[in-house]
Amino acid sequence: ISIRIDGMKEVMGMYIGGNESAKYWLGVLNDL
């Protein structure tokens, strides 16, 4: 979830994966 430059909130994405890990977050960030 983000706050844009105009001040409005935005859900950028929701990704279903395995158990939470830094490795999967890396994939999410690369997708963004």
PDB file of all heavy atoms in Angstrom:
ATOM      1  N   ILE A   1       0.863  -1.184   0.000  1.00  0.00           N
ATOM      2  CA  ILE A   1       0.000   0.000   0.000  1.00  0.00           C
ATOM      3  C   ILE A   1       0.897   1.230   0.000  1.00  0.00           C
ATOM      4  O   ILE A   1       1.946   1.241   0.665  1.00  0.00           O
ATOM      5  CB  ILE A   1      -0.937   0.011   1.221  1.00  0.00           C
ATOM      6  CG1 ILE A   1      -1.962  -1.125   1.122  1.00  0.00           C
ATOM      7  CG2 ILE A   1      -1.656   1.346   1.360  1.00  0.00           C
ATOM      8  CD1 ILE A   1      -2.907  -1.191   2.303  1.00  0.00           C
ATOM      9  N   SER A   2       0.492   2.249  -0.727  1.00  0.00           N
ATOM     10  CA  SER A   2       1.347   3.437  -0.831  1.00  0.00           C
ATOM     11  C   SER A   2       0.550   4.712  -0.592  1.00  0.00           C
ATOM     12  O   SER A   2      -0.680   4.722  -0.609  1.00  0.00           O
ATOM     13  CB  SER A   2       1.968   3.504  -2.230  1.00  0.00           C
ATOM     14  OG  SER A   2       0.943   3.696  -3.194  1.00  0.00           O
ATOM     15  N   ILE A   3       1.313   5.772  -0.361  1.00  0.00           N
ATOM     16  CA  ILE A   3       0.763   7.132  -0.395  1.00  0.00           C
ATOM     17  C   ILE A   3       1.413   7.826  -1.584  1.00  0.00           C
ATOM     18  O   ILE A   3       2.634   7.953  -1.648  1.00  0.00           O
ATOM     19  CB  ILE A   3       1.033   7.903   0.898  1.00  0.00           C
ATOM     20  CG1 ILE A   3       0.366   7.196   2.079  1.00  0.00           C
ATOM     21  CG2 ILE A   3       0.502   9.337   0.790  1.00  0.00           C
ATOM     22  CD1 ILE A   3       0.608   7.880   3.411  1.00  0.00           C
ATOM     23  N   ARG A   4       0.574   8.230  -2.535  1.00  0.00           N
ATOM     24  CA  ARG A   4       1.084   8.844  -3.753  1.00  0.00           C
ATOM     25  C   ARG A   4       1.507  10.289  -3.502  1.00  0.00           C
ATOM     26  O   ARG A   4       1.287  10.852  -2.421  1.00  0.00           O
ATOM     27  CB  ARG A   4       0.004   8.799  -4.848  1.00  0.00           C
ATOM     28  CG  ARG A   4      -0.515   7.395  -5.123  1.00  0.00           C
ATOM     29  CD  ARG A   4      -1.377   7.399  -6.373  1.00  0.00           C
ATOM     30  NE  ARG A   4      -2.448   8.382  -6.336  1.00  0.00           N
ATOM     31  CZ  ARG A   4      -3.748   8.086  -6.388  1.00  0.00           C
ATOM     32  NH1 ARG A   4      -4.132   6.816  -6.435  1.00  0.00           N
ATOM     33  NH2 ARG A   4      -4.659   9.038  -6.381  1.00  0.00           N
ATOM     34  N   ILE A   5       2.062  10.889  -4.516  1.00  0.00           N
ATOM     35  CA  ILE A   5       2.486  12.282  -4.404  1.00  0.00           C
ATOM     36  C   ILE A   5       1.302  13.204  -4.174  1.00  0.00           C
ATOM     37  O   ILE A   5       1.423  14.246  -3.525  1.00  0.00           O
ATOM     38  CB  ILE A   5       3.283  12.698  -5.670  1.00  0.00           C
ATOM     39  CG1 ILE A   5       4.652  12.013  -5.651  1.00  0.00           C
ATOM     40  CG2 ILE A   5       3.468  14.208  -5.741  1.00  0.00           C
ATOM     41  CD1 ILE A   5       5.528  12.340  -6.832  1.00  0.00           C
ATOM     42  N   ASP A   6       0.113  12.821  -4.678  1.00  0.00           N
ATOM     43  CA  ASP A   6      -1.066  13.657  -4.467  1.00  0.00           C
ATOM     44  C   ASP A   6      -1.695  13.439  -3.090  1.00  0.00           C
ATOM     45  O   ASP A   6      -2.722  14.037  -2.765  1.00  0.00           O
ATOM     46  CB  ASP A   6      -2.116  13.405  -5.560  1.00  0.00           C
ATOM     47  CG  ASP A   6      -2.637  11.973  -5.565  1.00  0.00           C
ATOM     48  OD1 ASP A   6      -2.253  11.181  -4.681  1.00  0.00           O
ATOM     49  OD2 ASP A   6      -3.436  11.650  -6.461  1.00  0.00           O
ATOM     50  N   GLY A   7      -1.101  12.557  -2.275  1.00  0.00           N
ATOM     51  CA  GLY A   7      -1.582  12.353  -0.910  1.00  0.00           C
ATOM     52  C   GLY A   7      -2.612  11.256  -0.753  1.00  0.00           C
ATOM     53  O   GLY A   7      -2.993  10.928   0.373  1.00  0.00           O
ATOM     54  N   MET A   8      -3.059  10.653  -1.847  1.00  0.00           N
ATOM     55  CA  MET A   8      -4.075   9.609  -1.774  1.00  0.00           C
ATOM     56  C   MET A   8      -3.426   8.234  -1.595  1.00  0.00           C
ATOM     57  O   MET A   8      -2.369   7.961  -2.140  1.00  0.00           O
ATOM     58  CB  MET A   8      -4.932   9.610  -3.049  1.00  0.00           C
ATOM     59  CG  MET A   8      -5.602  10.954  -3.327  1.00  0.00           C
ATOM     60  SD  MET A   8      -6.648  11.536  -1.965  1.00  0.00           S
ATOM     61  CE  MET A   8      -7.957  10.315  -2.009  1.00  0.00           C
ATOM     62  N   LYS A   9      -4.113   7.371  -0.835  1.00  0.00           N
ATOM     63  CA  LYS A   9      -3.627   6.004  -0.628  1.00  0.00           C
ATOM     64  C   LYS A   9      -3.987   5.124  -1.820  1.00  0.00           C
ATOM     65  O   LYS A   9      -4.988   5.341  -2.488  1.00  0.00           O
ATOM     66  CB  LYS A   9      -4.245   5.409   0.642  1.00  0.00           C
ATOM     67  CG  LYS A   9      -3.622   5.905   1.918  1.00  0.00           C
ATOM     68  CD  LYS A   9      -3.997   5.033   3.107  1.00  0.00           C
ATOM     69  CE  LYS A   9      -5.485   5.016   3.361  1.00  0.00           C
ATOM     70  NZ  LYS A   9      -5.829   4.204   4.558  1.00  0.00           N
ATOM     71  N   GLU A  10      -3.164   4.128  -2.063  1.00  0.00           N
ATOM     72  CA  GLU A  10      -3.377   3.215  -3.183  1.00  0.00           C
ATOM     73  C   GLU A  10      -2.877   1.817  -2.814  1.00  0.00           C
ATOM     74  O   GLU A  10      -1.782   1.679  -2.263  1.00  0.00           O
ATOM     75  CB  GLU A  10      -2.630   3.720  -4.421  1.00  0.00           C
ATOM     76  CG  GLU A  10      -2.711   2.793  -5.621  1.00  0.00           C
ATOM     77  CD  GLU A  10      -1.883   3.288  -6.792  1.00  0.00           C
ATOM     78  OE1 GLU A  10      -1.348   4.419  -6.722  1.00  0.00           O
ATOM     79  OE2 GLU A  10      -1.745   2.540  -7.777  1.00  0.00           O
ATOM     80  N   VAL A  11      -3.677   0.808  -3.110  1.00  0.00           N
ATOM     81  CA  VAL A  11      -3.215  -0.568  -2.985  1.00  0.00           C
ATOM     82  C   VAL A  11      -2.482  -0.902  -4.281  1.00  0.00           C
ATOM     83  O   VAL A  11      -3.078  -0.937  -5.355  1.00  0.00           O
ATOM     84  CB  VAL A  11      -4.373  -1.553  -2.750  1.00  0.00           C
ATOM     85  CG1 VAL A  11      -3.834  -2.977  -2.632  1.00  0.00           C
ATOM     86  CG2 VAL A  11      -5.157  -1.186  -1.493  1.00  0.00           C
ATOM     87  N   MET A  12      -1.195  -1.142  -4.189  1.00  0.00           N
ATOM     88  CA  MET A  12      -0.377  -1.369  -5.384  1.00  0.00           C
ATOM     89  C   MET A  12      -0.457  -2.811  -5.873  1.00  0.00           C
ATOM     90  O   MET A  12      -0.334  -3.085  -7.065  1.00  0.00           O
ATOM     91  CB  MET A  12       1.078  -0.989  -5.092  1.00  0.00           C
ATOM     92  CG  MET A  12       1.249   0.435  -4.588  1.00  0.00           C
ATOM     93  SD  MET A  12       2.901   0.757  -3.947  1.00  0.00           S
ATOM     94  CE  MET A  12       3.827   0.942  -5.466  1.00  0.00           C
ATOM     95  N   GLY A  13      -0.628  -3.746  -4.950  1.00  0.00           N
ATOM     96  CA  GLY A  13      -0.690  -5.142  -5.354  1.00  0.00           C
ATOM     97  C   GLY A  13      -0.917  -6.061  -4.173  1.00  0.00           C
ATOM     98  O   GLY A  13      -0.641  -5.714  -3.017  1.00  0.00           O
ATOM     99  N   MET A  14      -1.439  -7.250  -4.469  1.00  0.00           N
ATOM    100  CA  MET A  14      -1.610  -8.329  -3.486  1.00  0.00           C
ATOM    101  C   MET A  14      -1.128  -9.615  -4.151  1.00  0.00           C
ATOM    102  O   MET A  14      -1.649  -9.996  -5.201  1.00  0.00           O
ATOM    103  CB  MET A  14      -3.070  -8.452  -3.047  1.00  0.00           C
ATOM    104  CG  MET A  14      -3.616  -7.209  -2.354  1.00  0.00           C
ATOM    105  SD  MET A  14      -5.299  -7.424  -1.689  1.00  0.00           S
ATOM    106  CE  MET A  14      -6.230  -7.557  -3.228  1.00  0.00           C
ATOM    107  N   TYR A  15      -0.134 -10.254  -3.566  1.00  0.00           N
ATOM    108  CA  TYR A  15       0.518 -11.396  -4.186  1.00  0.00           C
ATOM    109  C   TYR A  15       0.427 -12.617  -3.272  1.00  0.00           C
ATOM    110  O   TYR A  15       0.803 -12.548  -2.095  1.00  0.00           O
ATOM    111  CB  TYR A  15       1.989 -11.079  -4.462  1.00  0.00           C
ATOM    112  CG  TYR A  15       2.227  -9.841  -5.289  1.00  0.00           C
ATOM    113  CD1 TYR A  15       2.199  -8.578  -4.705  1.00  0.00           C
ATOM    114  CD2 TYR A  15       2.477  -9.935  -6.657  1.00  0.00           C
ATOM    115  CE1 TYR A  15       2.421  -7.430  -5.463  1.00  0.00           C
ATOM    116  CE2 TYR A  15       2.707  -8.792  -7.417  1.00  0.00           C
ATOM    117  CZ  TYR A  15       2.671  -7.546  -6.817  1.00  0.00           C
ATOM    118  OH  TYR A  15       2.889  -6.415  -7.565  1.00  0.00           O
ATOM    119  N   ILE A  16      -0.056 -13.730  -3.801  1.00  0.00           N
ATOM    120  CA  ILE A  16      -0.170 -14.954  -3.020  1.00  0.00           C
ATOM    121  C   ILE A  16       1.080 -15.809  -3.235  1.00  0.00           C
ATOM    122  O   ILE A  16       1.450 -16.119  -4.373  1.00  0.00           O
ATOM    123  CB  ILE A  16      -1.419 -15.755  -3.416  1.00  0.00           C
ATOM    124  CG1 ILE A  16      -2.678 -14.918  -3.168  1.00  0.00           C
ATOM    125  CG2 ILE A  16      -1.503 -17.070  -2.644  1.00  0.00           C
ATOM    126  CD1 ILE A  16      -3.963 -15.572  -3.644  1.00  0.00           C
ATOM    127  N   GLY A  17       1.743 -16.163  -2.135  1.00  0.00           N
ATOM    128  CA  GLY A  17       2.947 -16.974  -2.234  1.00  0.00           C
ATOM    129  C   GLY A  17       3.062 -17.915  -1.059  1.00  0.00           C
ATOM    130  O   GLY A  17       2.112 -18.132  -0.309  1.00  0.00           O
ATOM    131  N   GLY A  18       4.236 -18.486  -0.876  1.00  0.00           N
ATOM    132  CA  GLY A  18       4.476 -19.391   0.236  1.00  0.00           C
ATOM    133  C   GLY A  18       4.575 -18.626   1.541  1.00  0.00           C
ATOM    134  O   GLY A  18       4.141 -17.472   1.640  1.00  0.00           O
ATOM    135  N   ASN A  19       5.136 -19.253   2.563  1.00  0.00           N
ATOM    136  CA  ASN A  19       5.324 -18.563   3.834  1.00  0.00           C
ATOM    137  C   ASN A  19       6.153 -17.306   3.635  1.00  0.00           C
ATOM    138  O   ASN A  19       7.046 -17.260   2.790  1.00  0.00           O
ATOM    139  CB  ASN A  19       6.003 -19.488   4.851  1.00  0.00           C
ATOM    140  CG  ASN A  19       5.065 -20.576   5.335  1.00  0.00           C
ATOM    141  OD1 ASN A  19       3.851 -20.380   5.381  1.00  0.00           O
ATOM    142  ND2 ASN A  19       5.627 -21.717   5.697  1.00  0.00           N
ATOM    143  N   GLU A  20       5.861 -16.293   4.445  1.00  0.00           N
ATOM    144  CA  GLU A  20       6.499 -14.990   4.269  1.00  0.00           C
ATOM    145  C   GLU A  20       8.015 -15.115   4.364  1.00  0.00           C
ATOM    146  O   GLU A  20       8.553 -15.689   5.294  1.00  0.00           O
ATOM    147  CB  GLU A  20       5.994 -14.007   5.326  1.00  0.00           C
ATOM    148  CG  GLU A  20       6.512 -12.595   5.109  1.00  0.00           C
ATOM    149  CD  GLU A  20       5.946 -11.604   6.109  1.00  0.00           C
ATOM    150  OE1 GLU A  20       5.261 -12.041   7.049  1.00  0.00           O
ATOM    151  OE2 GLU A  20       6.211 -10.406   5.947  1.00  0.00           O
ATOM    152  N   SER A  21       8.692 -14.533   3.367  1.00  0.00           N
ATOM    153  CA  SER A  21      10.157 -14.567   3.345  1.00  0.00           C
ATOM    154  C   SER A  21      10.677 -13.346   2.605  1.00  0.00           C
ATOM    155  O   SER A  21       9.987 -12.761   1.761  1.00  0.00           O
ATOM    156  CB  SER A  21      10.657 -15.835   2.642  1.00  0.00           C
ATOM    157  OG  SER A  21      10.323 -15.808   1.262  1.00  0.00           O
ATOM    158  N   ALA A  22      11.917 -12.967   2.925  1.00  0.00           N
ATOM    159  CA  ALA A  22      12.551 -11.835   2.250  1.00  0.00           C
ATOM    160  C   ALA A  22      12.739 -12.126   0.763  1.00  0.00           C
ATOM    161  O   ALA A  22      12.653 -11.228  -0.079  1.00  0.00           O
ATOM    162  CB  ALA A  22      13.885 -11.524   2.909  1.00  0.00           C
ATOM    163  N   LYS A  23      12.969 -13.409   0.434  1.00  0.00           N
ATOM    164  CA  LYS A  23      13.164 -13.780  -0.971  1.00  0.00           C
ATOM    165  C   LYS A  23      11.910 -13.510  -1.788  1.00  0.00           C
ATOM    166  O   LYS A  23      11.987 -12.996  -2.907  1.00  0.00           O
ATOM    167  CB  LYS A  23      13.549 -15.252  -1.064  1.00  0.00           C
ATOM    168  CG  LYS A  23      13.806 -15.732  -2.487  1.00  0.00           C
ATOM    169  CD  LYS A  23      14.200 -17.197  -2.509  1.00  0.00           C
ATOM    170  CE  LYS A  23      14.435 -17.690  -3.949  1.00  0.00           C
ATOM    171  NZ  LYS A  23      14.813 -19.129  -3.983  1.00  0.00           N
ATOM    172  N   TYR A  24      10.735 -13.840  -1.242  1.00  0.00           N
ATOM    173  CA  TYR A  24       9.513 -13.590  -1.997  1.00  0.00           C
ATOM    174  C   TYR A  24       9.238 -12.090  -2.075  1.00  0.00           C
ATOM    175  O   TYR A  24       8.760 -11.595  -3.103  1.00  0.00           O
ATOM    176  CB  TYR A  24       8.321 -14.317  -1.367  1.00  0.00           C
ATOM    177  CG  TYR A  24       7.163 -14.445  -2.342  1.00  0.00           C
ATOM    178  CD1 TYR A  24       7.038 -15.581  -3.139  1.00  0.00           C
ATOM    179  CD2 TYR A  24       6.253 -13.413  -2.514  1.00  0.00           C
ATOM    180  CE1 TYR A  24       6.013 -15.687  -4.059  1.00  0.00           C
ATOM    181  CE2 TYR A  24       5.223 -13.508  -3.430  1.00  0.00           C
ATOM    182  CZ  TYR A  24       5.104 -14.652  -4.198  1.00  0.00           C
ATOM    183  OH  TYR A  24       4.091 -14.746  -5.120  1.00  0.00           O
ATOM    184  N   TRP A  25       9.542 -11.353  -1.004  1.00  0.00           N
ATOM    185  CA  TRP A  25       9.372  -9.896  -1.053  1.00  0.00           C
ATOM    186  C   TRP A  25      10.240  -9.281  -2.157  1.00  0.00           C
ATOM    187  O   TRP A  25       9.850  -8.299  -2.785  1.00  0.00           O
ATOM    188  CB  TRP A  25       9.723  -9.271   0.297  1.00  0.00           C
ATOM    189  CG  TRP A  25       8.590  -9.244   1.273  1.00  0.00           C
ATOM    190  CD1 TRP A  25       8.525  -9.861   2.483  1.00  0.00           C
ATOM    191  CD2 TRP A  25       7.364  -8.536   1.121  1.00  0.00           C
ATOM    192  NE1 TRP A  25       7.326  -9.596   3.095  1.00  0.00           N
ATOM    193  CE2 TRP A  25       6.587  -8.778   2.273  1.00  0.00           C
ATOM    194  CE3 TRP A  25       6.825  -7.719   0.115  1.00  0.00           C
ATOM    195  CZ2 TRP A  25       5.320  -8.246   2.464  1.00  0.00           C
ATOM    196  CZ3 TRP A  25       5.554  -7.190   0.287  1.00  0.00           C
ATOM    197  CH2 TRP A  25       4.815  -7.441   1.454  1.00  0.00           C
ATOM    198  N   LEU A  26      11.404  -9.865  -2.385  1.00  0.00           N
ATOM    199  CA  LEU A  26      12.268  -9.394  -3.471  1.00  0.00           C
ATOM    200  C   LEU A  26      11.546  -9.514  -4.806  1.00  0.00           C
ATOM    201  O   LEU A  26      11.612  -8.608  -5.653  1.00  0.00           O
ATOM    202  CB  LEU A  26      13.571 -10.195  -3.483  1.00  0.00           C
ATOM    203  CG  LEU A  26      14.589  -9.822  -4.564  1.00  0.00           C
ATOM    204  CD1 LEU A  26      15.080  -8.389  -4.385  1.00  0.00           C
ATOM    205  CD2 LEU A  26      15.777 -10.789  -4.532  1.00  0.00           C
ATOM    206  N   GLY A  27      10.827 -10.625  -5.008  1.00  0.00           N
ATOM    207  CA  GLY A  27      10.049 -10.796  -6.229  1.00  0.00           C
ATOM    208  C   GLY A  27       8.936  -9.783  -6.349  1.00  0.00           C
ATOM    209  O   GLY A  27       8.648  -9.266  -7.438  1.00  0.00           O
ATOM    210  N   VAL A  28       8.267  -9.479  -5.233  1.00  0.00           N
ATOM    211  CA  VAL A  28       7.195  -8.477  -5.232  1.00  0.00           C
ATOM    212  C   VAL A  28       7.748  -7.114  -5.630  1.00  0.00           C
ATOM    213  O   VAL A  28       7.176  -6.402  -6.468  1.00  0.00           O
ATOM    214  CB  VAL A  28       6.529  -8.402  -3.837  1.00  0.00           C
ATOM    215  CG1 VAL A  28       5.603  -7.195  -3.744  1.00  0.00           C
ATOM    216  CG2 VAL A  28       5.753  -9.684  -3.549  1.00  0.00           C
ATOM    217  N   LEU A  29       8.870  -6.728  -5.043  1.00  0.00           N
ATOM    218  CA  LEU A  29       9.479  -5.433  -5.337  1.00  0.00           C
ATOM    219  C   LEU A  29       9.927  -5.339  -6.793  1.00  0.00           C
ATOM    220  O   LEU A  29       9.774  -4.289  -7.439  1.00  0.00           O
ATOM    221  CB  LEU A  29      10.655  -5.194  -4.393  1.00  0.00           C
ATOM    222  CG  LEU A  29      10.274  -4.989  -2.924  1.00  0.00           C
ATOM    223  CD1 LEU A  29      11.476  -5.184  -2.022  1.00  0.00           C
ATOM    224  CD2 LEU A  29       9.661  -3.612  -2.718  1.00  0.00           C
ATOM    225  N   ASN A  30      10.449  -6.423  -7.320  1.00  0.00           N
ATOM    226  CA  ASN A  30      10.827  -6.429  -8.736  1.00  0.00           C
ATOM    227  C   ASN A  30       9.616  -6.298  -9.642  1.00  0.00           C
ATOM    228  O   ASN A  30       9.685  -5.668 -10.710  1.00  0.00           O
ATOM    229  CB  ASN A  30      11.607  -7.711  -9.059  1.00  0.00           C
ATOM    230  CG  ASN A  30      13.083  -7.598  -8.712  1.00  0.00           C
ATOM    231  OD1 ASN A  30      13.713  -6.576  -8.978  1.00  0.00           O
ATOM    232  ND2 ASN A  30      13.632  -8.633  -8.108  1.00  0.00           N
ATOM    233  N   ASP A  31       8.495  -6.890  -9.233  1.00  0.00           N
ATOM    234  CA  ASP A  31       7.270  -6.746 -10.022  1.00  0.00           C
ATOM    235  C   ASP A  31       6.796  -5.296 -10.019  1.00  0.00           C
ATOM    236  O   ASP A  31       6.386  -4.767 -11.064  1.00  0.00           O
ATOM    237  CB  ASP A  31       6.174  -7.659  -9.463  1.00  0.00           C
ATOM    238  CG  ASP A  31       4.882  -7.551 -10.267  1.00  0.00           C
ATOM    239  OD1 ASP A  31       4.831  -8.091 -11.388  1.00  0.00           O
ATOM    240  OD2 ASP A  31       3.925  -6.893  -9.786  1.00  0.00           O
ATOM    241  N   LEU A  32       6.844  -4.642  -8.865  1.00  0.00           N
ATOM    242  CA  LEU A  32       6.449  -3.230  -8.786  1.00  0.00           C
ATOM    243  C   LEU A  32       7.344  -2.372  -9.687  1.00  0.00           C
ATOM    244  O   LEU A  32       6.858  -1.448 -10.359  1.00  0.00           O
ATOM    245  CB  LEU A  32       6.528  -2.736  -7.340  1.00  0.00           C
ATOM    246  CG  LEU A  32       5.582  -3.405  -6.339  1.00  0.00           C
ATOM    247  CD1 LEU A  32       5.823  -2.853  -4.938  1.00  0.00           C
ATOM    248  CD2 LEU A  32       4.123  -3.195  -6.737  1.00  0.00           C
TER     249      LEU A  32
END
